[in-house]
Amino acid sequence: MKLAEIVSTYLTFQRARGMRYRTQAVTLHAFCRAMGDIDINAVEADAVRAFVAGQGPITTFWHHKYRVLEGFYRFAIARGFTHASLLPTTVPQCPPSLTPYIYSVEELRRLLTATDGLQTTRSPLQAGTFHTLLLLLYGTGMRIGEALALTLADVNLQDRLLTLRDTKFHKTRWVPIGPQLTAALAAYATQRRRLALPAGDNSAFLATRTGHHVSYVRVSQLFRRLRQRAGMDRDPGARYQPRLHDLRHTAAVHRLIAWYRDGADVQRLLPHLSTYLGHVGMTSTQRYLTMTPELLAEASRRFEHYAHMGDLS
């Protein structure tokens, strides 16, 4: 049986179980292209190892491809399409996890200012769209995909409420927004409605010049230009530069710092932050709370305050 046919059967099986399997599908289709239009039993082990290895040093993507193909081969073997997995038997150690870049308030201002350089005559709203995207990501902590998927109907400016539909965990959630962000979104919405509305109020909120949703690829390309224009880099030799996704980490950390400074009960509020970010549990939220010198200082002050109260009792 052809490899591509089995991949199609496998994806149908996974989606029937309620799985989205979007990124996995991309990987499996890339695997089919790399192997060619051949029978699954004509696939060679060297070709599979070369596909998993890719180019350059081992990254987390090596492990992603390995896990996706491991599940596929289990399925193919269980149904008798093939007899054995051709994956490498030795799995290298996963590289250290990426440390998120936590932007300072000054760096956020520089990024927002730099969006002016994205203005073009061909796409007159591009600078405003990216400026609004940055405000949304930092002001709400939402995922990039959630922001790009927003429609005009999802942005309720009167009630100051955003509707995020069919998010990462197949759920719809509502995100309240503050008056400053609401004012910024209202100003952008006025300009946005001068562009095409191919689906009426269900058209993209953050839109291209034709009124369609901005793609993640395009946003990533623009952010690299923006970061360079703002002069924002990690130390020389760093494996990763600051990312757009790091705004979500920054939003979580800055919120925690603000709570410490306000004297709030942080432990009681953390579950609320988890819900706001759209996490299913605190474990996911904890990964976003990168320890920074500023956060450490605020936490230390809180500890010293409680320790002093203990000394007085």
Protein backbone atom coordinates (compact mmCIF):
# COMPACT_ATOMS: atom_id res chain seq x y z
CA MET A 1 0.00 0.00 0.00
CA LYS A 2 1.25 3.48 -0.84
CA LEU A 3 2.81 5.46 2.00
CA ALA A 4 0.63 8.51 1.26
CA GLU A 5 -2.56 6.43 1.47
CA ILE A 6 -1.60 5.07 4.89
CA VAL A 7 -0.75 8.56 6.12
CA SER A 8 -4.17 9.75 4.97
CA THR A 9 -5.84 6.82 6.76
CA TYR A 10 -3.84 7.54 9.92
CA LEU A 11 -4.79 11.24 9.94
CA THR A 12 -8.46 10.37 9.45
CA PHE A 13 -8.21 7.94 12.37
CA GLN A 14 -6.64 10.53 14.68
CA ARG A 15 -9.14 13.24 13.77
CA ALA A 16 -12.02 10.83 14.32
CA ARG A 17 -10.72 10.53 17.88
CA GLY A 18 -11.12 14.30 18.32
CA MET A 19 -7.47 15.20 17.67
CA ARG A 20 -6.65 18.18 15.47
CA TYR A 21 -3.34 16.81 14.27
CA ARG A 22 -2.45 19.95 12.32
CA THR A 23 1.29 20.20 12.94
CA GLN A 24 1.57 16.41 12.86
CA ALA A 25 -0.17 16.38 9.47
CA VAL A 26 2.34 18.92 8.12
CA THR A 27 5.20 16.70 9.31
CA LEU A 28 3.68 13.53 7.84
CA HIS A 29 3.01 15.17 4.48
CA ALA A 30 6.60 16.41 4.43
CA PHE A 31 7.70 12.84 5.20
CA CYS A 32 5.68 11.55 2.22
CA ARG A 33 7.26 14.13 -0.09
CA ALA A 34 10.74 13.24 1.14
CA MET A 35 10.17 9.49 0.65
CA GLY A 36 8.42 9.83 -2.71
CA ASP A 37 5.34 8.18 -4.19
CA ILE A 38 6.24 4.65 -3.07
CA ASP A 39 4.88 1.67 -1.17
CA ILE A 40 5.43 1.83 2.58
CA ASN A 41 7.58 -1.31 2.44
CA ALA A 42 9.84 0.33 -0.15
CA VAL A 43 10.83 3.07 2.30
CA GLU A 44 14.50 2.74 3.31
CA ALA A 45 15.80 3.16 6.85
CA ASP A 46 18.55 5.57 5.74
CA ALA A 47 15.96 7.85 4.16
CA VAL A 48 13.86 7.87 7.34
CA ARG A 49 16.91 8.67 9.49
CA ALA A 50 17.90 11.48 7.11
CA PHE A 51 14.40 12.96 7.31
CA VAL A 52 14.39 12.91 11.11
CA ALA A 53 17.92 14.31 11.33
CA GLY A 54 17.28 17.20 8.95
CA GLN A 55 20.02 19.81 8.53
CA GLY A 56 22.26 21.27 11.22
CA PRO A 57 22.40 20.47 14.95
CA ILE A 58 19.78 18.49 16.84
CA THR A 59 16.88 20.63 18.04
CA THR A 60 13.51 19.92 19.63
CA PHE A 61 12.18 19.55 16.08
CA TRP A 62 14.18 16.30 15.80
CA HIS A 63 12.15 14.92 18.70
CA HIS A 64 8.91 16.25 17.25
CA LYS A 65 9.47 14.42 13.97
CA TYR A 66 10.51 11.28 15.85
CA ARG A 67 7.36 11.29 18.02
CA VAL A 68 5.07 11.88 15.02
CA LEU A 69 6.64 9.06 13.00
CA GLU A 70 6.71 6.78 16.04
CA GLY A 71 2.92 7.11 16.36
CA PHE A 72 2.47 6.61 12.63
CA TYR A 73 4.58 3.44 12.56
CA ARG A 74 2.74 2.01 15.57
CA PHE A 75 -0.51 2.50 13.67
CA ALA A 76 0.88 1.01 10.44
CA ILE A 77 2.32 -2.05 12.21
CA ALA A 78 -0.84 -2.69 14.25
CA ARG A 79 -2.89 -2.78 11.06
CA GLY A 80 -0.48 -4.93 9.12
CA PHE A 81 0.59 -2.29 6.59
CA THR A 82 4.24 -2.90 7.48
CA HIS A 83 6.21 -5.14 9.83
CA ALA A 84 8.72 -2.88 11.57
CA SER A 85 9.54 0.73 12.33
CA LEU A 86 12.49 2.22 10.45
CA LEU A 87 13.12 4.93 13.03
CA PRO A 88 16.60 5.19 14.59
CA THR A 89 16.95 3.07 17.73
CA THR A 90 19.14 5.63 19.52
CA VAL A 91 17.39 8.82 20.53
CA PRO A 92 19.71 11.76 21.29
CA GLN A 93 19.19 13.87 24.35
CA CYS A 94 16.79 16.74 23.91
CA PRO A 95 18.59 20.11 23.90
CA PRO A 96 18.00 22.49 26.82
CA SER A 97 14.60 24.12 26.69
CA LEU A 98 14.39 27.63 25.36
CA THR A 99 14.50 30.41 27.95
CA PRO A 100 11.80 32.95 27.08
CA TYR A 101 12.86 36.55 26.54
CA ILE A 102 11.06 38.84 28.96
CA TYR A 103 10.79 42.29 27.43
CA SER A 104 11.22 45.35 29.59
CA VAL A 105 8.67 48.16 29.39
CA GLU A 106 11.23 50.25 27.51
CA GLU A 107 11.79 47.45 24.99
CA LEU A 108 8.05 47.15 24.45
CA ARG A 109 7.91 50.87 23.71
CA ARG A 110 10.73 50.49 21.19
CA LEU A 111 8.94 47.65 19.44
CA LEU A 112 5.71 49.64 19.23
CA THR A 113 7.56 52.68 17.88
CA ALA A 114 9.35 50.53 15.32
CA THR A 115 6.05 49.45 13.78
CA ASP A 116 5.94 52.84 12.00
CA GLY A 117 8.65 51.46 9.71
CA LEU A 118 6.26 48.78 8.43
CA GLN A 119 4.07 51.33 6.67
CA THR A 120 3.86 50.82 2.90
CA THR A 121 1.78 52.41 0.15
CA ARG A 122 0.75 48.95 -1.05
CA SER A 123 -0.53 47.95 2.39
CA PRO A 124 -1.46 51.20 4.18
CA LEU A 125 -2.78 49.50 7.33
CA GLN A 126 0.14 47.09 7.81
CA ALA A 127 1.89 49.25 10.43
CA GLY A 128 -1.35 49.78 12.36
CA THR A 129 -2.21 46.10 12.18
CA PHE A 130 1.13 45.03 13.62
CA HIS A 131 1.02 47.76 16.27
CA THR A 132 -2.41 46.48 17.32
CA LEU A 133 -1.20 42.86 17.31
CA LEU A 134 1.61 43.75 19.74
CA LEU A 135 -0.84 45.52 22.05
CA LEU A 136 -3.21 42.55 21.93
CA LEU A 137 -0.51 39.99 22.70
CA TYR A 138 0.92 41.96 25.60
CA GLY A 139 -2.37 43.35 26.88
CA THR A 140 -4.16 39.99 27.00
CA GLY A 141 -1.41 37.34 26.96
CA MET A 142 -3.29 35.51 24.21
CA ARG A 143 -1.60 33.14 21.78
CA ILE A 144 -0.52 34.49 18.40
CA GLY A 145 -2.88 32.14 16.57
CA GLU A 146 -5.78 33.30 18.75
CA ALA A 147 -5.10 36.95 17.93
CA LEU A 148 -4.78 36.30 14.19
CA ALA A 149 -8.04 34.31 14.18
CA LEU A 150 -10.12 37.17 15.65
CA THR A 151 -12.96 38.49 13.54
CA LEU A 152 -14.67 41.85 13.79
CA ALA A 153 -17.61 40.12 15.48
CA ASP A 154 -15.26 38.66 18.12
CA VAL A 155 -14.15 42.11 19.28
CA ASN A 156 -16.94 43.49 21.47
CA LEU A 157 -15.78 47.02 22.24
CA GLN A 158 -18.96 48.03 24.05
CA ASP A 159 -18.65 45.25 26.65
CA ARG A 160 -14.83 45.27 26.47
CA LEU A 161 -14.76 41.56 25.73
CA LEU A 162 -12.91 39.40 23.21
CA THR A 163 -14.26 36.02 22.10
CA LEU A 164 -11.57 33.46 21.34
CA ARG A 165 -13.13 30.58 19.40
CA ASP A 166 -11.97 26.99 19.05
CA THR A 167 -8.68 27.62 20.84
CA LYS A 168 -5.83 25.23 21.57
CA PHE A 169 -7.96 22.91 23.69
CA HIS A 170 -11.04 22.99 21.39
CA LYS A 171 -12.80 25.50 23.62
CA THR A 172 -14.18 29.00 23.27
CA ARG A 173 -13.25 31.46 25.97
CA TRP A 174 -13.88 35.13 26.71
CA VAL A 175 -11.13 37.58 27.55
CA PRO A 176 -12.00 40.91 29.22
CA ILE A 177 -9.89 43.91 28.22
CA GLY A 178 -9.10 47.19 29.95
CA PRO A 179 -10.11 50.70 28.87
CA GLN A 180 -6.74 51.60 27.31
CA LEU A 181 -6.58 48.50 25.14
CA THR A 182 -10.26 48.97 24.24
CA ALA A 183 -9.53 52.51 23.04
CA ALA A 184 -6.60 51.28 20.92
CA LEU A 185 -8.72 48.50 19.39
CA ALA A 186 -11.55 50.95 18.67
CA ALA A 187 -9.18 53.28 16.81
CA TYR A 188 -7.83 50.37 14.76
CA ALA A 189 -11.34 49.00 14.08
CA THR A 190 -12.36 52.33 12.52
CA GLN A 191 -9.46 52.08 10.06
CA ARG A 192 -10.00 48.36 9.54
CA ARG A 193 -13.58 48.86 8.37
CA ARG A 194 -12.29 50.96 5.48
CA LEU A 195 -10.75 47.80 4.04
CA ALA A 196 -12.66 45.01 2.31
CA LEU A 197 -15.09 42.94 4.41
CA PRO A 198 -15.26 39.67 2.44
CA ALA A 199 -17.34 37.96 5.16
CA GLY A 200 -19.04 40.98 6.72
CA ASP A 201 -18.58 41.12 10.49
CA ASN A 202 -17.04 37.66 10.33
CA SER A 203 -14.12 39.09 8.37
CA ALA A 204 -10.66 39.19 9.92
CA PHE A 205 -10.06 41.82 12.58
CA LEU A 206 -6.29 41.93 12.02
CA ALA A 207 -6.42 42.01 8.25
CA THR A 208 -4.37 42.17 5.09
CA ARG A 209 -5.11 44.89 2.54
CA THR A 210 -7.67 42.53 0.97
CA GLY A 211 -9.51 42.06 4.27
CA HIS A 212 -8.32 38.50 4.94
CA HIS A 213 -6.56 37.06 7.99
CA VAL A 214 -2.83 37.79 8.29
CA SER A 215 -0.80 34.58 8.14
CA TYR A 216 1.51 33.42 10.91
CA VAL A 217 4.38 33.19 8.39
CA ARG A 218 3.92 36.82 7.37
CA VAL A 219 3.72 37.96 10.99
CA SER A 220 6.96 36.09 11.80
CA GLN A 221 8.75 37.73 8.87
CA LEU A 222 7.60 41.20 9.90
CA PHE A 223 8.57 40.66 13.52
CA ARG A 224 12.16 39.79 12.56
CA ARG A 225 12.35 43.10 10.71
CA LEU A 226 10.75 44.88 13.64
CA ARG A 227 13.12 43.36 16.20
CA GLN A 228 16.16 44.32 14.15
CA ARG A 229 14.83 47.84 13.64
CA ALA A 230 14.30 48.15 17.41
CA GLY A 231 17.86 46.88 18.03
CA MET A 232 16.72 44.01 20.18
CA ASP A 233 18.97 40.94 20.39
CA ARG A 234 20.12 38.39 22.87
CA ASP A 235 23.80 38.03 23.70
CA PRO A 236 26.11 37.17 20.77
CA GLY A 237 26.09 33.44 20.04
CA ALA A 238 22.60 32.87 21.46
CA ARG A 239 20.67 30.06 19.73
CA TYR A 240 17.41 32.01 19.73
CA GLN A 241 16.57 35.66 19.36
CA PRO A 242 13.60 37.34 21.09
CA ARG A 243 10.34 36.01 19.65
CA LEU A 244 6.87 37.39 19.17
CA HIS A 245 5.55 34.55 21.35
CA ASP A 246 7.69 35.89 24.20
CA LEU A 247 5.14 38.69 24.59
CA ARG A 248 2.83 36.08 26.14
CA HIS A 249 5.53 35.15 28.66
CA THR A 250 6.19 38.85 29.29
CA ALA A 251 2.51 39.56 29.95
CA ALA A 252 2.37 36.78 32.56
CA VAL A 253 5.57 37.86 34.32
CA HIS A 254 4.63 41.56 34.35
CA ARG A 255 1.21 40.71 35.79
CA LEU A 256 2.89 38.75 38.60
CA ILE A 257 5.25 41.64 39.35
CA ALA A 258 2.29 44.06 39.46
CA TRP A 259 0.48 41.81 41.94
CA TYR A 260 3.53 41.67 44.21
CA ARG A 261 3.87 45.45 44.10
CA ASP A 262 0.16 45.90 44.89
CA GLY A 263 0.48 43.60 47.90
CA ALA A 264 -2.02 41.13 46.41
CA ASP A 265 -2.36 37.50 47.44
CA VAL A 266 -0.37 36.05 44.52
CA GLN A 267 -1.02 32.39 45.34
CA ARG A 268 -4.76 32.99 45.36
CA LEU A 269 -4.64 34.91 42.08
CA LEU A 270 -2.45 32.49 40.13
CA PRO A 271 -5.39 30.21 39.16
CA HIS A 272 -7.12 33.29 37.73
CA LEU A 273 -4.04 34.01 35.61
CA SER A 274 -4.07 30.40 34.44
CA THR A 275 -7.71 30.71 33.34
CA TYR A 276 -7.05 34.05 31.64
CA LEU A 277 -4.19 32.56 29.61
CA GLY A 278 -6.39 29.66 28.54
CA HIS A 279 -4.41 26.97 30.36
CA VAL A 280 -6.00 23.75 31.57
CA GLY A 281 -3.91 23.74 34.75
CA MET A 282 -1.26 25.53 36.78
CA THR A 283 1.59 23.42 35.39
CA SER A 284 1.32 25.14 32.01
CA THR A 285 1.14 28.57 33.63
CA GLN A 286 4.25 27.94 35.72
CA ARG A 287 6.27 27.45 32.54
CA TYR A 288 5.38 31.00 31.56
CA LEU A 289 6.55 32.53 34.82
CA THR A 290 10.23 32.91 33.98
CA MET A 291 12.22 34.24 36.91
CA THR A 292 13.66 37.66 36.11
CA PRO A 293 15.74 39.94 38.37
CA GLU A 294 12.73 42.22 38.75
CA LEU A 295 10.38 39.37 39.66
CA LEU A 296 12.96 37.87 42.02
CA ALA A 297 13.37 41.24 43.75
CA GLU A 298 9.61 41.62 44.28
CA ALA A 299 9.27 38.03 45.54
CA SER A 300 12.21 38.58 47.92
CA ARG A 301 10.63 41.74 49.31
CA ARG A 302 7.41 39.82 49.96
CA PHE A 303 9.37 37.03 51.71
CA GLU A 304 11.29 39.53 53.84
CA HIS A 305 8.01 41.21 54.81
CA TYR A 306 6.51 37.93 56.00
CA ALA A 307 9.74 36.94 57.73
CA HIS A 308 9.78 40.26 59.58
CA MET A 309 6.15 39.75 60.65
CA GLY A 310 7.18 36.34 61.99
CA ASP A 311 9.98 37.90 64.03
CA LEU A 312 7.53 40.32 65.60
CA SER A 313 5.05 37.65 66.67
